[in-house]
């Protein structure tokens, strides 16, 4: 029996990009912004000087130094035992992010083989059974089960199976009943 395929986004799902924005914004402006202030606001409008957010995405080191989202390493390692896991991240818009994202994955997720990494421009051609992502632009076209990973910018979105953290991903995809069906 062929294993089911799980596609996992990096930014805001595995890598804490929101904390990166907050940290870089504070360094650039001296203003302290809390993550709580960002809930329900689009990323590009959540900060008083949104033009800085675009600059950060082009700043060397931005993607490379992001913190790991709690629980992601353990749950993805477990998913990797039962599913065909692919890390799928849009990286072409910010070309320096290609090597930074690859190096970040090698450091924090060494069990992910290079053949499981898809750094692309658009996720539309990528197919699978499940997609875990924080952006509707990636989930809307996907034909499999769409799992919306909660982030500050999507907290008001409805109509998707929402997962708020990696514990919930574990329950949904690795619960005893689910494992019996995929193993």
C-alpha atoms as a PDB file:
ATOM      1  CA  UNK A   1       0.000   0.000   0.000  1.00  0.00           C
ATOM      2  CA  UNK A   2       1.343   3.409  -0.979  1.00  0.00           C
ATOM      3  CA  UNK A   3       1.917   5.798   1.894  1.00  0.00           C
ATOM      4  CA  UNK A   4      -0.064   9.008   2.067  1.00  0.00           C
ATOM      5  CA  UNK A   5       1.765  12.239   1.343  1.00  0.00           C
ATOM      6  CA  UNK A   6       1.924  15.146   3.802  1.00  0.00           C
ATOM      7  CA  UNK A   7       3.105  18.531   2.506  1.00  0.00           C
ATOM      8  CA  UNK A   8       4.358  20.892   5.210  1.00  0.00           C
ATOM      9  CA  UNK A   9       5.024  24.601   4.810  1.00  0.00           C
ATOM     10  CA  UNK A  10       8.007  26.169   6.597  1.00  0.00           C
ATOM     11  CA  UNK A  11       7.268  29.846   7.362  1.00  0.00           C
ATOM     12  CA  UNK A  12       4.833  30.280  10.281  1.00  0.00           C
ATOM     13  CA  UNK A  13       4.394  26.486  10.443  1.00  0.00           C
ATOM     14  CA  UNK A  14       7.873  25.145  11.241  1.00  0.00           C
ATOM     15  CA  UNK A  15       9.810  28.437  11.459  1.00  0.00           C
ATOM     16  CA  UNK A  16       8.586  31.214  13.759  1.00  0.00           C
ATOM     17  CA  UNK A  17       8.616  34.041  11.231  1.00  0.00           C
ATOM     18  CA  UNK A  18       6.258  36.172  13.328  1.00  0.00           C
ATOM     19  CA  UNK A  19       8.863  36.360  16.108  1.00  0.00           C
ATOM     20  CA  UNK A  20      11.474  37.234  13.462  1.00  0.00           C
ATOM     21  CA  UNK A  21       9.315  40.141  12.266  1.00  0.00           C
ATOM     22  CA  UNK A  22       8.842  41.366  15.840  1.00  0.00           C
ATOM     23  CA  UNK A  23      12.568  41.096  16.627  1.00  0.00           C
ATOM     24  CA  UNK A  24      13.766  42.724  13.388  1.00  0.00           C
ATOM     25  CA  UNK A  25      11.138  45.465  13.658  1.00  0.00           C
ATOM     26  CA  UNK A  26      12.227  46.267  17.204  1.00  0.00           C
ATOM     27  CA  UNK A  27      15.886  46.467  16.152  1.00  0.00           C
ATOM     28  CA  UNK A  28      15.046  48.728  13.205  1.00  0.00           C
ATOM     29  CA  UNK A  29      12.675  51.114  14.984  1.00  0.00           C
ATOM     30  CA  UNK A  30      13.212  50.751  18.719  1.00  0.00           C
ATOM     31  CA  UNK A  31       9.486  50.028  19.025  1.00  0.00           C
ATOM     32  CA  UNK A  32       8.338  47.057  21.045  1.00  0.00           C
ATOM     33  CA  UNK A  33       5.536  45.168  19.314  1.00  0.00           C
ATOM     34  CA  UNK A  34       4.057  42.099  20.968  1.00  0.00           C
ATOM     35  CA  UNK A  35       2.728  39.127  19.036  1.00  0.00           C
ATOM     36  CA  UNK A  36      -0.620  39.730  20.734  1.00  0.00           C
ATOM     37  CA  UNK A  37      -0.900  43.069  18.900  1.00  0.00           C
ATOM     38  CA  UNK A  38      -0.649  41.267  15.558  1.00  0.00           C
ATOM     39  CA  UNK A  39      -3.575  38.840  15.908  1.00  0.00           C
ATOM     40  CA  UNK A  40      -6.128  39.105  13.115  1.00  0.00           C
ATOM     41  CA  UNK A  41      -4.079  41.505  10.977  1.00  0.00           C
ATOM     42  CA  UNK A  42      -2.485  40.756   7.605  1.00  0.00           C
ATOM     43  CA  UNK A  43       1.303  40.492   7.877  1.00  0.00           C
ATOM     44  CA  UNK A  44       1.942  43.505   5.653  1.00  0.00           C
ATOM     45  CA  UNK A  45      -0.417  45.757   7.643  1.00  0.00           C
ATOM     46  CA  UNK A  46       0.198  44.536  11.193  1.00  0.00           C
ATOM     47  CA  UNK A  47       3.145  46.853  11.874  1.00  0.00           C
ATOM     48  CA  UNK A  48       3.112  50.679  11.939  1.00  0.00           C
ATOM     49  CA  UNK A  49       5.815  50.748   9.225  1.00  0.00           C
ATOM     50  CA  UNK A  50       4.815  47.871   6.947  1.00  0.00           C
ATOM     51  CA  UNK A  51       7.470  48.711   4.332  1.00  0.00           C
ATOM     52  CA  UNK A  52      10.066  47.390   6.782  1.00  0.00           C
ATOM     53  CA  UNK A  53       8.459  43.944   6.755  1.00  0.00           C
ATOM     54  CA  UNK A  54       9.201  43.559   3.014  1.00  0.00           C
ATOM     55  CA  UNK A  55      12.780  44.711   3.625  1.00  0.00           C
ATOM     56  CA  UNK A  56      13.305  42.065   6.296  1.00  0.00           C
ATOM     57  CA  UNK A  57      12.304  39.343   3.836  1.00  0.00           C
ATOM     58  CA  UNK A  58      15.245  40.416   1.652  1.00  0.00           C
ATOM     59  CA  UNK A  59      17.694  40.738   4.548  1.00  0.00           C
ATOM     60  CA  UNK A  60      20.461  38.120   4.645  1.00  0.00           C
ATOM     61  CA  UNK A  61      20.048  35.887   7.691  1.00  0.00           C
ATOM     62  CA  UNK A  62      16.338  36.562   8.192  1.00  0.00           C
ATOM     63  CA  UNK A  63      15.193  33.054   7.277  1.00  0.00           C
ATOM     64  CA  UNK A  64      18.351  31.315   8.514  1.00  0.00           C
ATOM     65  CA  UNK A  65      18.020  32.511  12.122  1.00  0.00           C
ATOM     66  CA  UNK A  66      14.299  31.948  12.701  1.00  0.00           C
ATOM     67  CA  UNK A  67      13.328  29.993  15.804  1.00  0.00           C
ATOM     68  CA  UNK A  68      11.724  26.576  15.483  1.00  0.00           C
ATOM     69  CA  UNK A  69       8.014  26.385  16.312  1.00  0.00           C
ATOM     70  CA  UNK A  70       7.495  24.281  19.416  1.00  0.00           C
ATOM     71  CA  UNK A  71       6.683  20.637  18.801  1.00  0.00           C
ATOM     72  CA  UNK A  72       7.391  20.702  15.073  1.00  0.00           C
ATOM     73  CA  UNK A  73      10.615  18.694  15.219  1.00  0.00           C
ATOM     74  CA  UNK A  74       9.155  15.841  17.242  1.00  0.00           C
ATOM     75  CA  UNK A  75       5.866  15.606  15.357  1.00  0.00           C
ATOM     76  CA  UNK A  76       7.440  15.848  11.892  1.00  0.00           C
ATOM     77  CA  UNK A  77       9.946  13.137  12.847  1.00  0.00           C
ATOM     78  CA  UNK A  78       7.008  10.924  13.849  1.00  0.00           C
ATOM     79  CA  UNK A  79       5.018  11.802  10.712  1.00  0.00           C
ATOM     80  CA  UNK A  80       8.071  10.828   8.674  1.00  0.00           C
ATOM     81  CA  UNK A  81       7.732   7.237   9.965  1.00  0.00           C
ATOM     82  CA  UNK A  82       4.181   6.776   8.643  1.00  0.00           C
ATOM     83  CA  UNK A  83       3.784   9.212   5.755  1.00  0.00           C
ATOM     84  CA  UNK A  84       5.740  10.472   2.775  1.00  0.00           C
ATOM     85  CA  UNK A  85       6.609  13.889   4.181  1.00  0.00           C
ATOM     86  CA  UNK A  86       7.673  16.763   1.954  1.00  0.00           C
ATOM     87  CA  UNK A  87       8.655  20.216   3.139  1.00  0.00           C
ATOM     88  CA  UNK A  88       7.247  22.649   0.590  1.00  0.00           C
ATOM     89  CA  UNK A  89       8.176  26.313   0.834  1.00  0.00           C
ATOM     90  CA  UNK A  90       7.799  29.173  -1.611  1.00  0.00           C
ATOM     91  CA  UNK A  91      11.302  30.611  -1.863  1.00  0.00           C
ATOM     92  CA  UNK A  92      11.743  32.122  -5.329  1.00  0.00           C
ATOM     93  CA  UNK A  93      10.345  35.545  -4.427  1.00  0.00           C
ATOM     94  CA  UNK A  94      13.221  35.981  -1.950  1.00  0.00           C
ATOM     95  CA  UNK A  95      16.153  34.221  -3.677  1.00  0.00           C
ATOM     96  CA  UNK A  96      18.545  34.411  -0.706  1.00  0.00           C
ATOM     97  CA  UNK A  97      15.980  32.407   1.234  1.00  0.00           C
ATOM     98  CA  UNK A  98      16.716  29.306  -0.886  1.00  0.00           C
ATOM     99  CA  UNK A  99      20.046  28.505   0.757  1.00  0.00           C
ATOM    100  CA  UNK A 100      18.941  29.888   4.130  1.00  0.00           C
ATOM    101  CA  UNK A 101      15.870  27.656   4.240  1.00  0.00           C
ATOM    102  CA  UNK A 102      17.869  24.627   3.161  1.00  0.00           C
ATOM    103  CA  UNK A 103      20.548  25.272   5.813  1.00  0.00           C
ATOM    104  CA  UNK A 104      17.867  25.912   8.459  1.00  0.00           C
ATOM    105  CA  UNK A 105      16.234  22.570   7.655  1.00  0.00           C
ATOM    106  CA  UNK A 106      19.595  20.781   7.791  1.00  0.00           C
ATOM    107  CA  UNK A 107      20.285  22.242  11.230  1.00  0.00           C
ATOM    108  CA  UNK A 108      16.871  21.804  12.839  1.00  0.00           C
ATOM    109  CA  UNK A 109      15.404  18.852  10.902  1.00  0.00           C
ATOM    110  CA  UNK A 110      18.407  16.684   9.975  1.00  0.00           C
ATOM    111  CA  UNK A 111      16.135  13.648   9.515  1.00  0.00           C
ATOM    112  CA  UNK A 112      14.539  15.319   6.476  1.00  0.00           C
ATOM    113  CA  UNK A 113      16.394  14.071   3.392  1.00  0.00           C
ATOM    114  CA  UNK A 114      17.214  16.595   0.658  1.00  0.00           C
ATOM    115  CA  UNK A 115      14.837  14.682  -1.648  1.00  0.00           C
ATOM    116  CA  UNK A 116      11.987  15.618   0.717  1.00  0.00           C
ATOM    117  CA  UNK A 117      12.552  19.357   0.286  1.00  0.00           C
ATOM    118  CA  UNK A 118      10.701  21.353  -2.361  1.00  0.00           C
ATOM    119  CA  UNK A 119      11.704  25.022  -2.542  1.00  0.00           C
ATOM    120  CA  UNK A 120       9.591  26.571  -5.259  1.00  0.00           C
ATOM    121  CA  UNK A 121       7.848  29.644  -6.619  1.00  0.00           C
ATOM    122  CA  UNK A 122       4.288  28.355  -6.508  1.00  0.00           C
ATOM    123  CA  UNK A 123       2.903  25.374  -4.635  1.00  0.00           C
ATOM    124  CA  UNK A 124       0.141  24.784  -7.207  1.00  0.00           C
ATOM    125  CA  UNK A 125       1.878  21.885  -9.017  1.00  0.00           C
ATOM    126  CA  UNK A 126       2.576  20.003  -5.776  1.00  0.00           C
ATOM    127  CA  UNK A 127       0.097  17.267  -4.902  1.00  0.00           C
ATOM    128  CA  UNK A 128      -0.517  15.183  -1.817  1.00  0.00           C
ATOM    129  CA  UNK A 129      -3.085  13.929   0.632  1.00  0.00           C
ATOM    130  CA  UNK A 130      -2.586  16.619   3.299  1.00  0.00           C
ATOM    131  CA  UNK A 131      -1.191  20.142   3.209  1.00  0.00           C
ATOM    132  CA  UNK A 132      -0.297  21.977   6.419  1.00  0.00           C
ATOM    133  CA  UNK A 133       0.046  25.679   5.619  1.00  0.00           C
ATOM    134  CA  UNK A 134      -0.720  29.092   7.091  1.00  0.00           C
ATOM    135  CA  UNK A 135      -1.739  30.826   3.848  1.00  0.00           C
ATOM    136  CA  UNK A 136      -4.991  30.442   1.947  1.00  0.00           C
ATOM    137  CA  UNK A 137      -3.210  31.179  -1.349  1.00  0.00           C
ATOM    138  CA  UNK A 138      -1.574  27.775  -0.953  1.00  0.00           C
ATOM    139  CA  UNK A 139      -4.516  25.871   0.502  1.00  0.00           C
ATOM    140  CA  UNK A 140      -7.285  27.187  -1.771  1.00  0.00           C
ATOM    141  CA  UNK A 141      -6.226  25.232  -4.861  1.00  0.00           C
ATOM    142  CA  UNK A 142      -5.072  22.097  -3.032  1.00  0.00           C
ATOM    143  CA  UNK A 143      -7.174  18.995  -3.746  1.00  0.00           C
ATOM    144  CA  UNK A 144      -6.237  17.003  -0.624  1.00  0.00           C
ATOM    145  CA  UNK A 145      -7.141  17.699   2.991  1.00  0.00           C
ATOM    146  CA  UNK A 146      -6.273  21.299   3.844  1.00  0.00           C
ATOM    147  CA  UNK A 147      -4.973  21.972   7.353  1.00  0.00           C
ATOM    148  CA  UNK A 148      -4.725  25.657   8.241  1.00  0.00           C
ATOM    149  CA  UNK A 149      -1.921  26.161  10.767  1.00  0.00           C
ATOM    150  CA  UNK A 150      -2.846  29.065  13.035  1.00  0.00           C
ATOM    151  CA  UNK A 151      -0.752  32.207  12.664  1.00  0.00           C
ATOM    152  CA  UNK A 152      -1.436  35.799  13.674  1.00  0.00           C
ATOM    153  CA  UNK A 153      -2.435  36.777  10.127  1.00  0.00           C
ATOM    154  CA  UNK A 154      -5.022  33.971   9.664  1.00  0.00           C
ATOM    155  CA  UNK A 155      -6.684  33.878  13.080  1.00  0.00           C
ATOM    156  CA  UNK A 156      -9.995  35.185  11.720  1.00  0.00           C
ATOM    157  CA  UNK A 157     -10.200  32.755   8.792  1.00  0.00           C
ATOM    158  CA  UNK A 158     -12.902  30.090   8.860  1.00  0.00           C
ATOM    159  CA  UNK A 159     -13.848  27.206   6.586  1.00  0.00           C
ATOM    160  CA  UNK A 160     -10.726  25.057   6.969  1.00  0.00           C
ATOM    161  CA  UNK A 161      -9.630  22.327   9.306  1.00  0.00           C
ATOM    162  CA  UNK A 162      -7.599  24.428  11.717  1.00  0.00           C
ATOM    163  CA  UNK A 163      -4.621  23.184  13.683  1.00  0.00           C
ATOM    164  CA  UNK A 164      -3.412  25.583  16.362  1.00  0.00           C
ATOM    165  CA  UNK A 165      -0.148  23.829  17.185  1.00  0.00           C
ATOM    166  CA  UNK A 166       1.871  20.686  16.533  1.00  0.00           C
ATOM    167  CA  UNK A 167       0.124  18.802  19.325  1.00  0.00           C
ATOM    168  CA  UNK A 168      -3.109  19.136  17.346  1.00  0.00           C
ATOM    169  CA  UNK A 169      -1.343  17.987  14.152  1.00  0.00           C
ATOM    170  CA  UNK A 170      -0.158  14.937  16.101  1.00  0.00           C
ATOM    171  CA  UNK A 171      -3.678  14.158  17.297  1.00  0.00           C
ATOM    172  CA  UNK A 172      -5.137  14.568  13.821  1.00  0.00           C
ATOM    173  CA  UNK A 173      -2.562  12.636  11.779  1.00  0.00           C
ATOM    174  CA  UNK A 174      -0.915  10.322  14.296  1.00  0.00           C
ATOM    175  CA  UNK A 175      -3.738   9.248  16.584  1.00  0.00           C
ATOM    176  CA  UNK A 176      -4.061   5.461  17.042  1.00  0.00           C
ATOM    177  CA  UNK A 177      -7.027   5.194  14.688  1.00  0.00           C
ATOM    178  CA  UNK A 178      -5.260   7.212  11.963  1.00  0.00           C
ATOM    179  CA  UNK A 179      -2.011   5.240  12.240  1.00  0.00           C
ATOM    180  CA  UNK A 180      -3.906   1.969  11.918  1.00  0.00           C
ATOM    181  CA  UNK A 181      -5.235   3.218   8.572  1.00  0.00           C
ATOM    182  CA  UNK A 182      -1.907   4.430   7.157  1.00  0.00           C
ATOM    183  CA  UNK A 183       0.525   1.826   8.511  1.00  0.00           C
END
